[in-house]
Amino acid sequence: MIPDTWLRALVEKITEPLREEMAPQGPGAQLEPGHLVQLVRLDEEGGLTLDEEALSRCLEQGGVGDAPICLVSIIGEQRRGKSFLMNCLLRRLWSPEATHTSWMGREDEALGGFVCHAGMATVTRGMWMWDQPLWVQAQGRRVAVFLVDTEGCLDLQRHMETSVKLSVFSILLSSYWIFNISSTFTRTEADYLEV
């Protein structure tokens, strides 16, 4: 299965079972471009702090109102492509009707969205949310989809308890939860999920 197929399957799962005509959306269709807001901060002792004001701003703008909300979050080992995957999902949801790989944009165009780059240093700290709703049609209603990126778990620089708290919060917050692994499912990941 190629990555495009995985993303398409996830988008189809989010938008099933009914698709209807919707107004075009995408980077050019939004009144103002979306940006990242930090939802959860971690303090020195490993405590979590939810920024309720930031969450409210996201959920109360963009015509969300009383529309159903779907939060899609991701966790996984640090430096394994979670933010990159969320950027791909962001682009795919911007262009749900695009065919083949046209939804990815030009090769020379930066992905944008969630912060990611090559290297060993951790990029994402805490939990970050794309503040603009990505509208999909599901069961005859418009649903506001929000994407949430979570700091890598199994981080050797953090206590296991902190990683578990962050992961549990991510699971509780989400409608759909992605556990990102880079290759095969290992005993370490199984142990982490068991905790």
Protein backbone atom coordinates (compact mmCIF):
# COMPACT_ATOMS: atom_id res chain seq x y z
CA MET A 1 0.00 0.00 0.00
CA ILE A 2 1.49 3.36 -0.97
CA PRO A 3 1.22 6.47 1.25
CA ASP A 4 -1.31 8.12 -1.09
CA THR A 5 -3.56 5.09 -0.65
CA TRP A 6 -3.26 5.26 3.14
CA LEU A 7 -4.20 8.94 3.20
CA ARG A 8 -7.04 8.41 0.77
CA ALA A 9 -8.36 5.57 2.96
CA LEU A 10 -8.21 7.79 6.06
CA VAL A 11 -9.96 10.67 4.27
CA GLU A 12 -12.64 8.25 3.02
CA LYS A 13 -13.11 6.89 6.55
CA ILE A 14 -13.55 10.40 7.93
CA THR A 15 -16.00 11.43 5.21
CA GLU A 16 -17.98 8.20 4.81
CA PRO A 17 -20.65 7.21 4.07
CA LEU A 18 -22.19 10.09 2.13
CA ARG A 19 -20.44 12.60 -0.13
CA GLU A 20 -22.27 15.61 -1.47
CA GLU A 21 -21.30 18.65 -3.48
CA MET A 22 -19.47 21.17 -1.36
CA ALA A 23 -18.00 24.59 -1.97
CA PRO A 24 -14.39 24.33 -3.11
CA GLN A 25 -11.83 24.64 -0.40
CA GLY A 26 -8.10 24.76 -0.31
CA PRO A 27 -5.36 27.24 0.30
CA GLY A 28 -6.88 29.77 -2.10
CA ALA A 29 -10.49 29.26 -0.97
CA GLN A 30 -10.10 30.24 2.68
CA LEU A 31 -10.61 33.86 3.65
CA GLU A 32 -7.42 33.84 5.68
CA PRO A 33 -4.79 31.15 5.78
CA GLY A 34 -4.78 28.77 8.69
CA HIS A 35 -1.98 28.53 11.15
CA LEU A 36 -0.86 26.45 14.09
CA VAL A 37 -1.92 27.10 17.66
CA GLN A 38 -0.44 25.35 20.66
CA LEU A 39 -3.14 23.51 22.58
CA VAL A 40 -1.06 21.79 25.24
CA ARG A 41 2.18 22.88 26.83
CA LEU A 42 4.46 20.74 28.97
CA ASP A 43 6.16 22.26 31.99
CA GLU A 44 9.56 21.30 33.42
CA GLU A 45 7.99 18.74 35.78
CA GLY A 46 6.05 17.04 32.98
CA GLY A 47 2.68 18.61 33.78
CA LEU A 48 0.25 19.34 30.94
CA THR A 49 -1.45 22.71 30.51
CA LEU A 50 -4.38 22.98 28.09
CA ASP A 51 -4.79 26.40 26.49
CA GLU A 52 -8.59 26.48 26.65
CA GLU A 53 -8.73 29.92 25.04
CA ALA A 54 -6.80 28.70 21.98
CA LEU A 55 -9.06 25.65 21.69
CA SER A 56 -12.18 27.84 21.95
CA ARG A 57 -10.88 30.23 19.28
CA CYS A 58 -10.36 27.32 16.88
CA LEU A 59 -13.75 25.77 17.52
CA GLU A 60 -15.70 29.04 17.46
CA GLN A 61 -14.42 30.47 14.16
CA GLY A 62 -14.61 29.56 10.51
CA GLY A 63 -18.36 28.99 10.60
CA VAL A 64 -18.08 26.00 12.93
CA GLY A 65 -21.00 27.04 15.14
CA ASP A 66 -23.03 23.95 16.02
CA ALA A 67 -21.54 21.78 13.27
CA PRO A 68 -20.21 18.36 14.25
CA ILE A 69 -16.48 18.38 14.94
CA CYS A 70 -13.94 15.68 14.15
CA LEU A 71 -10.46 15.92 15.68
CA VAL A 72 -7.75 13.78 14.10
CA SER A 73 -4.57 13.46 16.15
CA ILE A 74 -1.33 11.57 15.78
CA ILE A 75 1.24 10.16 18.18
CA GLY A 76 4.29 8.00 17.69
CA GLU A 77 8.00 7.87 18.30
CA GLN A 78 9.90 11.14 17.98
CA ARG A 79 11.43 12.08 14.62
CA ARG A 80 9.42 9.53 12.64
CA GLY A 81 7.40 11.80 10.35
CA LYS A 82 4.24 12.59 12.33
CA SER A 83 4.21 16.28 11.39
CA PHE A 84 5.01 15.44 7.77
CA LEU A 85 2.12 12.96 7.69
CA MET A 86 -0.22 15.59 9.19
CA ASN A 87 0.87 18.03 6.46
CA CYS A 88 0.01 15.41 3.83
CA LEU A 89 -3.36 14.84 5.46
CA LEU A 90 -3.91 18.61 5.61
CA ARG A 91 -3.28 18.92 1.88
CA ARG A 92 -5.46 15.90 1.11
CA LEU A 93 -8.38 17.31 3.09
CA TRP A 94 -7.94 20.66 1.33
CA SER A 95 -8.39 18.83 -1.98
CA PRO A 96 -10.71 15.86 -1.35
CA GLU A 97 -11.75 15.52 -4.99
CA ALA A 98 -8.23 15.72 -6.46
CA THR A 99 -7.04 12.68 -8.35
CA HIS A 100 -3.72 10.88 -8.32
CA THR A 101 -1.11 12.96 -6.54
CA SER A 102 -2.27 16.40 -7.72
CA TRP A 103 -3.41 17.17 -4.16
CA MET A 104 0.25 17.23 -3.05
CA GLY A 105 1.00 20.34 -5.09
CA ARG A 106 4.19 21.04 -7.00
CA GLU A 107 7.41 19.25 -6.14
CA ASP A 108 9.22 22.54 -5.51
CA GLU A 109 6.44 23.81 -3.21
CA ALA A 110 6.97 23.49 0.55
CA LEU A 111 4.34 21.43 2.34
CA GLY A 112 3.54 24.14 4.87
CA GLY A 113 1.25 23.65 7.83
CA PHE A 114 2.80 21.71 10.68
CA VAL A 115 6.46 22.47 11.39
CA CYS A 116 8.79 19.70 10.31
CA HIS A 117 12.33 19.38 9.02
CA ALA A 118 15.10 16.84 8.72
CA GLY A 119 17.43 16.21 11.63
CA MET A 120 17.56 14.60 15.04
CA ALA A 121 16.28 17.45 17.22
CA THR A 122 12.66 17.28 18.38
CA VAL A 123 10.51 19.85 16.57
CA THR A 124 7.00 19.47 18.01
CA ARG A 125 6.60 20.24 21.72
CA GLY A 126 3.27 19.52 23.39
CA MET A 127 0.20 19.46 21.12
CA TRP A 128 -0.47 21.76 18.15
CA MET A 129 -3.71 22.20 16.21
CA TRP A 130 -4.39 23.57 12.72
CA ASP A 131 -6.79 26.38 13.58
CA GLN A 132 -8.88 26.32 10.37
CA PRO A 133 -11.62 23.72 10.01
CA LEU A 134 -11.34 21.45 7.00
CA TRP A 135 -14.90 20.85 5.88
CA VAL A 136 -16.06 17.41 4.77
CA GLN A 137 -19.49 16.01 4.10
CA ALA A 138 -20.55 13.02 6.22
CA GLN A 139 -24.01 11.54 6.71
CA GLY A 140 -25.61 14.52 4.97
CA ARG A 141 -23.97 17.11 7.24
CA ARG A 142 -20.94 19.33 7.00
CA VAL A 143 -18.33 18.24 9.52
CA ALA A 144 -15.47 20.46 10.71
CA VAL A 145 -12.25 18.43 10.77
CA PHE A 146 -9.32 19.70 12.83
CA LEU A 147 -5.84 18.18 12.75
CA VAL A 148 -3.74 17.85 15.92
CA ASP A 149 -0.02 17.04 16.02
CA THR A 150 1.45 15.61 19.22
CA GLU A 151 5.01 15.60 20.49
CA GLY A 152 6.82 12.31 19.97
CA CYS A 153 6.34 9.63 22.57
CA LEU A 154 9.09 7.25 23.64
CA ASP A 155 11.32 10.33 23.92
CA LEU A 156 14.39 9.32 25.89
CA GLN A 157 14.74 12.90 27.14
CA ARG A 158 11.33 12.77 28.86
CA HIS A 159 9.93 10.63 31.63
CA MET A 160 7.67 7.81 30.42
CA GLU A 161 4.86 9.18 32.60
CA THR A 162 4.90 12.49 30.69
CA SER A 163 4.72 10.71 27.32
CA VAL A 164 1.85 8.54 28.55
CA LYS A 165 -0.09 11.57 29.86
CA LEU A 166 0.33 13.36 26.54
CA SER A 167 -0.73 10.28 24.57
CA VAL A 168 -3.78 9.63 26.76
CA PHE A 169 -4.85 13.27 26.44
CA SER A 170 -4.45 13.00 22.66
CA ILE A 171 -6.62 9.87 22.59
CA LEU A 172 -9.33 11.44 24.77
CA LEU A 173 -9.41 14.60 22.65
CA SER A 174 -9.63 12.81 19.30
CA SER A 175 -12.36 11.42 17.11
CA TYR A 176 -9.68 9.59 15.10
CA TRP A 177 -6.29 8.74 16.50
CA ILE A 178 -3.26 7.73 14.43
CA PHE A 179 -0.44 5.74 16.03
CA ASN A 180 2.44 6.36 13.63
CA ILE A 181 5.17 3.74 13.37
CA SER A 182 8.05 3.99 10.94
CA SER A 183 8.39 0.36 9.91
CA THR A 184 7.20 -2.77 11.68
CA PHE A 185 5.27 -2.86 14.92
CA THR A 186 7.83 -3.61 17.63
CA ARG A 187 7.67 -4.82 21.21
CA THR A 188 8.54 -1.28 22.37
CA GLU A 189 5.42 0.13 20.69
CA ALA A 190 3.29 -2.73 22.03
CA ASP A 191 4.58 -2.08 25.55
CA TYR A 192 3.85 1.62 25.15
CA LEU A 193 0.25 0.96 24.07
CA GLU A 194 -0.17 -1.48 26.94
CA VAL A 195 0.73 1.23 29.47
